[in-house]
Structures are given as structure tokens and as C-alpha cells.
Amino acid sequence: MLSQSSGRIRGAIAALALLFAMFVLAGCGQSSTVNTDVNETEDDSAAAVLQAYRESGDQIIELSATNPATSIDVTNLVGTVPAYDLTQGNPPCAGFMQAIPSLVFTLPEGVATVDVAFKGDAPSTLVLVAEGEAILCDKDAPGLTPEMSVSDPVAGRYGVWIGRADMRTPVNGKLTVSVAK
């Protein structure tokens, strides 16, 4: 019982530290809008998390006309950060995320559409953050196949977070991102 409550305390402390870093960086970020049919905000509150991803050494995928799609397997996802905290409630995304994104990719100028989809084995959620731009979440999540399509996306770096709807159930599945010119 003691280890369960100390784990919750550590999780709460980690979430508060993440929120503090996002609030500090949100004050320094630029704001603008993305033309899309999903929920959006003008606040760059996830910049700290993208920075953490960059510093972790994970690969950043460059999508383009010659590399229009990428897929990765997401295994044993056990995120504990409420998506609502990651987005500061605007938009009010559902689920529990990891502190770093499942995938980071870059887009060149002139992309007409970017499609992001996840096919999981348990109810899942999807959050897309354009660095310096909007935070977007799948308006129909949670579900087994959360997805979103962004029209006229801004060139730059994006982070994709896959979340789980139930804290007791890890999520496994395939994340796919594709672009159209």
C-alpha cells in the first residue's frame, strides 16, 4: 500500500514539474493558428516536452515528397501524465500520455495535408503538437483508432503523443503519419 501511494506522489510531482516547465516556455513561445478541423489552441505549452524529446536522442523523422509516410510500433505504452495537463485544458484532450512524444517529425513547406492515425489494442487518444503552433487532439477519442487530418500544416517540427484511456491498461499498436502535396 505504501509503495502504491509513493508511486502516485512521484507521478504527481513529475506532472507538476512538467506543467511548470510548460508554463515557463509557453510565455516565451510564439502563437499562431493552424487551419484544421480538429480542436486547437494558440498556446505553445508543449514546447518543453518537444525539447525533452530532442535532448533524449530519439530520431526525428523528416517527411517529404520522397518520404511521404512513416509508421512505428508503439508497445507497452503506460503514460501517466493526464493529456488535460499537457494541453493545460485548451483543448481539453482525453487520456494519459508519456512525458515525451511517441514520434517527432518535420514537415517541409508546401504540404497540403498531414494525416496522423493510431490503431491500438485498447482505447487510445491522440495529441499532435506543432512546435510554436497549436495543440490538436482527436475530437472523437478515446477509441481503438484515433486519427486526425490537418489541412495546410505549417512547416516545422511536430510531436505526436499516443495516450491510453484507462490507467490500468497498457496500449500497443501502430502509429502512422503521412503527407500529401
Protein backbone atom coordinates (compact mmCIF):
# COMPACT_ATOMS: atom_id res chain seq x y z
CA MET A 1 0.00 0.00 0.00
CA LEU A 2 2.84 2.37 0.84
CA SER A 3 4.61 1.77 -2.49
CA GLN A 4 1.38 2.46 -4.38
CA SER A 5 0.89 5.83 -2.66
CA SER A 6 4.58 6.77 -3.06
CA GLY A 7 4.27 5.97 -6.79
CA ARG A 8 1.28 8.28 -7.01
CA ILE A 9 3.18 11.01 -5.17
CA ARG A 10 6.14 10.65 -7.54
CA GLY A 11 3.76 10.77 -10.50
CA ALA A 12 2.10 13.91 -9.17
CA ILE A 13 5.47 15.57 -8.58
CA ALA A 14 6.60 14.68 -12.13
CA ALA A 15 3.36 16.05 -13.59
CA LEU A 16 3.75 19.29 -11.63
CA ALA A 17 7.36 19.68 -12.79
CA LEU A 18 6.27 19.11 -16.39
CA LEU A 19 3.47 21.66 -16.05
CA PHE A 20 5.86 24.23 -14.57
CA ALA A 21 8.29 23.78 -17.47
CA MET A 22 5.46 24.08 -19.99
CA PHE A 23 4.13 27.27 -18.33
CA VAL A 24 7.59 28.86 -18.37
CA LEU A 25 8.20 28.03 -22.02
CA ALA A 26 4.66 28.95 -23.06
CA GLY A 27 5.40 32.52 -22.07
CA CYS A 28 8.39 32.51 -24.44
CA GLY A 29 6.76 30.78 -27.44
CA GLN A 30 5.12 32.35 -30.45
CA SER A 31 1.46 31.85 -31.03
CA SER A 32 -0.44 31.45 -34.26
CA THR A 33 -3.13 29.23 -35.69
CA VAL A 34 -3.31 26.11 -37.82
CA ASN A 35 -6.11 25.64 -40.36
CA THR A 36 -7.69 22.34 -39.28
CA ASP A 37 -10.97 20.69 -38.45
CA VAL A 38 -9.86 19.45 -35.01
CA ASN A 39 -9.73 21.26 -31.66
CA GLU A 40 -6.92 23.79 -31.42
CA THR A 41 -5.34 26.47 -29.24
CA GLU A 42 -2.83 29.23 -29.86
CA ASP A 43 -0.64 28.32 -26.86
CA ASP A 44 2.74 26.57 -27.29
CA SER A 45 2.56 24.84 -23.91
CA ALA A 46 4.19 21.61 -25.10
CA ALA A 47 7.48 23.21 -26.25
CA ALA A 48 9.23 21.92 -23.13
CA VAL A 49 8.22 18.36 -23.94
CA LEU A 50 9.46 18.67 -27.53
CA GLN A 51 12.76 19.99 -26.16
CA ALA A 52 12.99 16.99 -23.83
CA TYR A 53 12.42 14.70 -26.81
CA ARG A 54 15.18 16.42 -28.80
CA GLU A 55 17.57 16.00 -25.90
CA SER A 56 16.71 12.33 -25.40
CA GLY A 57 18.48 11.36 -28.63
CA ASP A 58 15.47 9.76 -30.31
CA GLN A 59 15.17 10.01 -34.08
CA ILE A 60 13.25 12.84 -35.72
CA ILE A 61 11.62 11.71 -38.99
CA GLU A 62 11.69 14.06 -42.00
CA LEU A 63 8.54 13.68 -44.09
CA SER A 64 8.59 14.94 -47.69
CA ALA A 65 7.57 14.07 -51.24
CA THR A 66 10.32 11.41 -51.32
CA ASN A 67 9.45 10.12 -47.81
CA PRO A 68 5.68 10.73 -47.55
CA ALA A 69 4.86 8.32 -44.71
CA THR A 70 6.25 6.68 -41.61
CA SER A 71 4.90 4.04 -39.21
CA ILE A 72 6.16 2.94 -35.83
CA ASP A 73 5.08 0.25 -33.41
CA VAL A 74 4.03 1.58 -30.03
CA THR A 75 4.46 -1.09 -27.38
CA ASN A 76 3.51 -1.22 -23.73
CA LEU A 77 2.54 2.47 -23.56
CA VAL A 78 1.88 3.23 -19.90
CA GLY A 79 1.62 7.03 -19.83
CA THR A 80 0.61 8.64 -16.56
CA VAL A 81 0.51 12.37 -17.45
CA PRO A 82 -3.10 13.49 -17.99
CA ALA A 83 -3.45 14.89 -21.52
CA TYR A 84 -5.52 17.66 -19.97
CA ASP A 85 -2.39 18.75 -18.04
CA LEU A 86 -0.22 18.55 -21.16
CA THR A 87 -2.60 20.88 -23.01
CA GLN A 88 -3.49 22.96 -19.94
CA GLY A 89 -7.12 22.14 -20.72
CA ASN A 90 -7.15 24.01 -24.01
CA PRO A 91 -8.08 21.95 -25.91
CA PRO A 92 -9.42 19.51 -23.32
CA CYS A 93 -7.76 16.34 -24.66
CA ALA A 94 -8.53 12.97 -23.07
CA GLY A 95 -6.24 10.20 -21.87
CA PHE A 96 -2.92 9.66 -20.13
CA MET A 97 0.32 10.40 -22.02
CA GLN A 98 4.00 9.78 -21.55
CA ALA A 99 6.16 12.84 -20.87
CA ILE A 100 7.80 12.58 -24.30
CA PRO A 101 6.03 12.11 -27.62
CA SER A 102 5.76 8.73 -29.30
CA LEU A 103 7.04 10.29 -32.55
CA VAL A 104 8.57 13.59 -33.69
CA PHE A 105 8.58 14.52 -37.37
CA THR A 106 9.33 17.55 -39.54
CA LEU A 107 7.36 18.88 -42.49
CA PRO A 108 8.70 20.96 -45.38
CA GLU A 109 6.90 23.96 -46.89
CA GLY A 110 4.04 23.24 -49.28
CA VAL A 111 2.45 20.17 -47.67
CA ALA A 112 -1.30 20.13 -48.36
CA THR A 113 -2.33 17.68 -45.65
CA VAL A 114 -0.80 15.64 -42.85
CA ASP A 115 -2.71 12.59 -41.61
CA VAL A 116 -1.98 11.01 -38.23
CA ALA A 117 -3.58 7.71 -37.22
CA PHE A 118 -3.12 5.13 -34.49
CA LYS A 119 -4.56 1.62 -34.47
CA GLY A 120 -4.37 0.23 -30.96
CA ASP A 121 -5.43 -2.77 -28.94
CA ALA A 122 -7.14 -0.67 -26.25
CA PRO A 123 -8.99 2.65 -26.20
CA SER A 124 -6.43 5.32 -27.07
CA THR A 125 -6.09 9.05 -27.60
CA LEU A 126 -4.00 11.18 -29.93
CA VAL A 127 -2.40 14.61 -29.41
CA LEU A 128 -0.47 16.48 -32.11
CA VAL A 129 1.68 19.49 -31.26
CA ALA A 130 3.21 21.75 -33.89
CA GLU A 131 6.24 23.42 -32.32
CA GLY A 132 5.42 27.10 -31.85
CA GLU A 133 1.89 26.49 -33.10
CA ALA A 134 -1.31 24.80 -31.94
CA ILE A 135 -2.03 21.77 -29.80
CA LEU A 136 -4.53 19.46 -31.50
CA CYS A 137 -6.35 16.41 -30.21
CA ASP A 138 -8.61 13.84 -31.80
CA LYS A 139 -12.09 15.16 -31.07
CA ASP A 140 -13.58 11.62 -31.14
CA ALA A 141 -11.09 9.99 -28.75
CA PRO A 142 -10.78 7.74 -26.91
CA GLY A 143 -11.17 4.92 -29.39
CA LEU A 144 -9.30 2.00 -30.91
CA THR A 145 -8.37 4.06 -33.99
CA PRO A 146 -7.90 7.74 -33.11
CA GLU A 147 -6.96 9.84 -36.13
CA MET A 148 -6.77 13.40 -37.40
CA SER A 149 -6.09 15.24 -40.62
CA VAL A 150 -4.55 18.73 -40.71
CA SER A 151 -5.01 20.85 -43.84
CA ASP A 152 -2.29 23.31 -44.86
CA PRO A 153 0.02 22.46 -41.94
CA VAL A 154 2.81 24.86 -41.07
CA ALA A 155 6.32 23.70 -41.98
CA GLY A 156 8.35 22.65 -38.96
CA ARG A 157 8.63 20.10 -36.19
CA TYR A 158 5.65 18.16 -34.79
CA GLY A 159 5.28 15.84 -31.81
CA VAL A 160 2.68 13.05 -31.64
CA TRP A 161 1.56 11.70 -28.28
CA ILE A 162 -0.44 8.48 -28.02
CA GLY A 163 -2.36 8.17 -24.80
CA ARG A 164 -4.31 5.49 -23.07
CA ALA A 165 -7.84 5.92 -21.79
CA ASP A 166 -7.51 3.51 -18.85
CA MET A 167 -4.62 3.79 -16.38
CA ARG A 168 -4.84 0.03 -15.74
CA THR A 169 -4.38 -0.99 -19.38
CA PRO A 170 -1.17 -0.51 -21.39
CA VAL A 171 -1.63 0.27 -25.09
CA ASN A 172 0.04 -1.41 -28.06
CA GLY A 173 -0.45 -0.53 -31.70
CA LYS A 174 0.81 1.13 -34.86
CA LEU A 175 1.20 4.89 -35.33
CA THR A 176 1.20 6.15 -38.94
CA VAL A 177 1.87 9.66 -40.23
CA SER A 178 1.55 10.55 -43.92
CA VAL A 179 1.65 13.72 -46.02
CA ALA A 180 0.11 14.78 -49.31
CA LYS A 181 1.40 17.63 -51.50
